[in-house]
N, C-alpha and C. Protein backbone atom coordinates (compact mmCIF):
# COMPACT_ATOMS: atom_id res chain seq x y z
N MET A 1 15.62 -31.85 45.66
CA MET A 1 16.23 -31.59 46.96
C MET A 1 16.52 -32.90 47.69
N ASP A 2 15.73 -33.95 47.44
CA ASP A 2 15.95 -35.22 48.13
C ASP A 2 17.33 -35.79 47.86
N ALA A 3 17.79 -35.70 46.62
CA ALA A 3 19.12 -36.20 46.29
C ALA A 3 20.19 -35.40 47.01
N ARG A 4 19.97 -34.10 47.14
CA ARG A 4 20.95 -33.26 47.83
C ARG A 4 21.00 -33.63 49.31
N ILE A 5 19.85 -33.84 49.93
CA ILE A 5 19.81 -34.25 51.34
C ILE A 5 20.48 -35.60 51.52
N ALA A 6 20.26 -36.53 50.59
CA ALA A 6 20.90 -37.84 50.66
C ALA A 6 22.42 -37.70 50.60
N ARG A 7 22.91 -36.82 49.72
CA ARG A 7 24.36 -36.58 49.64
C ARG A 7 24.88 -35.98 50.94
N LEU A 8 24.11 -35.07 51.52
CA LEU A 8 24.52 -34.46 52.78
C LEU A 8 24.58 -35.51 53.89
N ARG A 9 23.58 -36.38 53.93
CA ARG A 9 23.60 -37.45 54.95
C ARG A 9 24.87 -38.27 54.82
N TRP A 10 25.24 -38.61 53.59
CA TRP A 10 26.45 -39.40 53.38
C TRP A 10 27.68 -38.62 53.83
N ARG A 11 27.73 -37.34 53.51
CA ARG A 11 28.88 -36.51 53.88
C ARG A 11 28.96 -36.26 55.38
N CYS A 12 27.86 -36.42 56.10
CA CYS A 12 27.84 -36.25 57.56
C CYS A 12 28.50 -37.42 58.28
N ARG A 13 28.74 -38.48 57.57
CA ARG A 13 29.41 -39.64 58.17
C ARG A 13 30.90 -39.33 58.21
N ARG A 14 31.38 -39.03 59.40
CA ARG A 14 32.76 -38.60 59.58
C ARG A 14 33.55 -39.70 60.29
N GLY A 15 34.74 -39.36 60.73
CA GLY A 15 35.55 -40.31 61.46
C GLY A 15 35.34 -40.25 62.96
N MET A 16 34.49 -39.35 63.41
CA MET A 16 34.26 -39.18 64.84
C MET A 16 32.77 -39.34 65.14
N ARG A 17 32.44 -40.23 66.07
CA ARG A 17 31.04 -40.47 66.40
C ARG A 17 30.30 -39.22 66.83
N GLU A 18 30.99 -38.37 67.59
CA GLU A 18 30.36 -37.15 68.08
C GLU A 18 29.91 -36.26 66.92
N LEU A 19 30.78 -36.14 65.92
CA LEU A 19 30.43 -35.36 64.74
C LEU A 19 29.30 -36.02 63.97
N ASP A 20 29.38 -37.34 63.80
CA ASP A 20 28.32 -38.05 63.10
C ASP A 20 26.96 -37.77 63.74
N ALA A 21 26.89 -37.89 65.05
CA ALA A 21 25.62 -37.73 65.76
C ALA A 21 25.07 -36.31 65.58
N LEU A 22 25.90 -35.32 65.79
CA LEU A 22 25.43 -33.93 65.67
C LEU A 22 25.03 -33.59 64.23
N LEU A 23 25.86 -33.95 63.29
CA LEU A 23 25.60 -33.59 61.90
C LEU A 23 24.39 -34.33 61.33
N LEU A 24 24.28 -35.62 61.64
CA LEU A 24 23.13 -36.38 61.13
C LEU A 24 21.83 -35.90 61.75
N ALA A 25 21.84 -35.58 63.03
CA ALA A 25 20.63 -35.05 63.67
C ALA A 25 20.21 -33.75 63.01
N PHE A 26 21.18 -32.92 62.69
CA PHE A 26 20.88 -31.64 62.05
C PHE A 26 20.33 -31.84 60.64
N VAL A 27 20.98 -32.68 59.86
CA VAL A 27 20.58 -32.83 58.46
C VAL A 27 19.19 -33.46 58.34
N GLU A 28 18.75 -34.21 59.33
CA GLU A 28 17.41 -34.78 59.30
C GLU A 28 16.35 -33.68 59.25
N GLY A 29 16.64 -32.53 59.83
CA GLY A 29 15.71 -31.41 59.78
C GLY A 29 16.06 -30.38 58.73
N ALA A 30 17.00 -30.69 57.88
CA ALA A 30 17.53 -29.71 56.93
C ALA A 30 16.63 -29.44 55.73
N VAL A 31 15.50 -30.13 55.63
CA VAL A 31 14.65 -29.96 54.45
C VAL A 31 14.10 -28.55 54.34
N SER A 32 14.06 -27.80 55.44
CA SER A 32 13.53 -26.44 55.36
C SER A 32 14.62 -25.37 55.43
N LEU A 33 15.87 -25.76 55.24
CA LEU A 33 16.94 -24.78 55.19
C LEU A 33 16.83 -23.96 53.91
N THR A 34 17.21 -22.70 54.00
CA THR A 34 17.26 -21.88 52.80
C THR A 34 18.42 -22.35 51.93
N GLU A 35 18.44 -21.89 50.70
CA GLU A 35 19.54 -22.25 49.79
C GLU A 35 20.88 -21.77 50.36
N ALA A 36 20.89 -20.57 50.92
CA ALA A 36 22.13 -20.03 51.49
C ALA A 36 22.59 -20.86 52.69
N GLU A 37 21.65 -21.28 53.54
CA GLU A 37 22.00 -22.11 54.70
C GLU A 37 22.51 -23.48 54.25
N MET A 38 21.87 -24.03 53.22
CA MET A 38 22.30 -25.32 52.70
C MET A 38 23.73 -25.22 52.15
N ALA A 39 24.01 -24.16 51.41
CA ALA A 39 25.36 -23.96 50.88
C ALA A 39 26.37 -23.78 52.02
N MET A 40 25.98 -23.05 53.04
CA MET A 40 26.86 -22.84 54.19
C MET A 40 27.12 -24.18 54.91
N PHE A 41 26.09 -25.00 55.06
CA PHE A 41 26.25 -26.31 55.68
C PHE A 41 27.19 -27.18 54.85
N GLU A 42 27.05 -27.13 53.53
CA GLU A 42 27.96 -27.89 52.67
C GLU A 42 29.40 -27.42 52.88
N GLY A 43 29.58 -26.11 53.05
CA GLY A 43 30.91 -25.58 53.32
C GLY A 43 31.46 -26.05 54.66
N ILE A 44 30.60 -26.11 55.65
CA ILE A 44 30.99 -26.60 56.98
C ILE A 44 31.46 -28.05 56.87
N LEU A 45 30.79 -28.83 56.04
CA LEU A 45 31.17 -30.23 55.89
C LEU A 45 32.53 -30.40 55.21
N GLU A 46 33.03 -29.35 54.59
CA GLU A 46 34.35 -29.41 53.96
C GLU A 46 35.48 -29.23 54.99
N LEU A 47 35.14 -28.76 56.18
CA LEU A 47 36.16 -28.52 57.20
C LEU A 47 36.78 -29.82 57.67
N PRO A 48 38.05 -29.80 58.03
CA PRO A 48 38.67 -31.00 58.61
C PRO A 48 38.00 -31.34 59.95
N ASP A 49 37.95 -32.62 60.28
CA ASP A 49 37.30 -33.06 61.51
C ASP A 49 37.76 -32.31 62.75
N PRO A 50 39.07 -32.13 62.98
CA PRO A 50 39.49 -31.44 64.20
C PRO A 50 38.95 -30.00 64.30
N VAL A 51 38.92 -29.30 63.18
CA VAL A 51 38.41 -27.92 63.16
C VAL A 51 36.92 -27.91 63.43
N LEU A 52 36.19 -28.77 62.74
CA LEU A 52 34.75 -28.85 62.93
C LEU A 52 34.40 -29.26 64.36
N HIS A 53 35.12 -30.20 64.89
CA HIS A 53 34.91 -30.65 66.27
C HIS A 53 35.12 -29.49 67.23
N SER A 54 36.17 -28.74 67.03
CA SER A 54 36.46 -27.58 67.89
C SER A 54 35.34 -26.55 67.80
N TYR A 55 34.85 -26.28 66.60
CA TYR A 55 33.75 -25.34 66.42
C TYR A 55 32.49 -25.82 67.13
N LEU A 56 32.17 -27.10 66.95
CA LEU A 56 30.93 -27.62 67.52
C LEU A 56 30.98 -27.75 69.04
N LEU A 57 32.18 -27.88 69.59
CA LEU A 57 32.31 -27.91 71.05
C LEU A 57 32.42 -26.51 71.64
N GLY A 58 32.52 -25.51 70.78
CA GLY A 58 32.64 -24.14 71.25
C GLY A 58 34.02 -23.76 71.70
N ARG A 59 35.01 -24.55 71.37
CA ARG A 59 36.40 -24.25 71.76
C ARG A 59 37.00 -23.16 70.90
N SER A 60 36.49 -23.04 69.68
CA SER A 60 36.90 -21.97 68.78
C SER A 60 35.70 -21.63 67.91
N ALA A 61 35.83 -20.56 67.14
CA ALA A 61 34.71 -20.12 66.31
C ALA A 61 35.24 -19.50 65.03
N PRO A 62 34.50 -19.68 63.94
CA PRO A 62 34.89 -19.01 62.70
C PRO A 62 34.60 -17.52 62.81
N ALA A 63 35.19 -16.74 61.94
CA ALA A 63 35.00 -15.28 61.98
C ALA A 63 33.63 -14.85 61.47
N ASP A 64 33.02 -15.65 60.61
CA ASP A 64 31.74 -15.30 60.00
C ASP A 64 30.57 -15.54 60.97
N ALA A 65 29.80 -14.49 61.25
CA ALA A 65 28.69 -14.58 62.20
C ALA A 65 27.60 -15.53 61.73
N ALA A 66 27.33 -15.58 60.44
CA ALA A 66 26.30 -16.48 59.92
C ALA A 66 26.70 -17.94 60.12
N THR A 67 27.98 -18.23 59.93
CA THR A 67 28.47 -19.59 60.15
C THR A 67 28.40 -19.94 61.63
N VAL A 68 28.72 -19.00 62.48
CA VAL A 68 28.61 -19.22 63.93
C VAL A 68 27.17 -19.56 64.30
N ALA A 69 26.21 -18.82 63.73
CA ALA A 69 24.80 -19.07 64.01
C ALA A 69 24.37 -20.46 63.53
N LEU A 70 24.84 -20.86 62.36
CA LEU A 70 24.50 -22.18 61.86
C LEU A 70 25.13 -23.27 62.71
N LEU A 71 26.36 -23.07 63.14
CA LEU A 71 27.01 -24.04 64.02
C LEU A 71 26.24 -24.18 65.33
N GLU A 72 25.70 -23.08 65.84
CA GLU A 72 24.89 -23.13 67.07
C GLU A 72 23.62 -23.96 66.82
N ARG A 73 23.01 -23.79 65.67
CA ARG A 73 21.83 -24.60 65.34
C ARG A 73 22.20 -26.06 65.23
N ILE A 74 23.35 -26.37 64.68
CA ILE A 74 23.80 -27.75 64.58
C ILE A 74 23.99 -28.32 65.99
N ARG A 75 24.65 -27.55 66.85
CA ARG A 75 24.86 -27.99 68.24
C ARG A 75 23.54 -28.28 68.94
N SER A 76 22.55 -27.46 68.69
CA SER A 76 21.26 -27.63 69.36
C SER A 76 20.34 -28.62 68.63
N GLY A 77 20.78 -29.08 67.44
CA GLY A 77 19.98 -30.05 66.70
C GLY A 77 18.80 -29.44 65.98
N VAL A 78 18.82 -28.12 65.77
CA VAL A 78 17.70 -27.44 65.12
C VAL A 78 18.01 -27.23 63.66
N GLY A 79 17.49 -28.11 62.81
CA GLY A 79 17.70 -27.99 61.38
C GLY A 79 16.55 -27.32 60.66
N SER A 80 15.44 -27.12 61.39
CA SER A 80 14.24 -26.61 60.72
C SER A 80 14.21 -25.11 60.60
N GLY A 81 15.05 -24.40 61.31
CA GLY A 81 15.05 -22.95 61.25
C GLY A 81 13.94 -22.35 62.07
N ALA A 82 13.17 -23.17 62.77
CA ALA A 82 12.06 -22.67 63.58
C ALA A 82 12.50 -22.21 64.93
């Protein structure tokens, strides 16, 4: 899992400081994410910066409720699931 977290940390480095800060703070607590949450987070990282930025600022939202919940955890910096 450590190698996967290291890859995620690298992928969290985006072109926007705001995204970097939110994503890196989240991934630091990601060690206790379930496999499904980890896969969903990897999918979120595939989004283009403008779309992800809009989601994280709450300007728009994806249709999937589970993704919305994970985005809320990212916004709040809660990666532990607690």
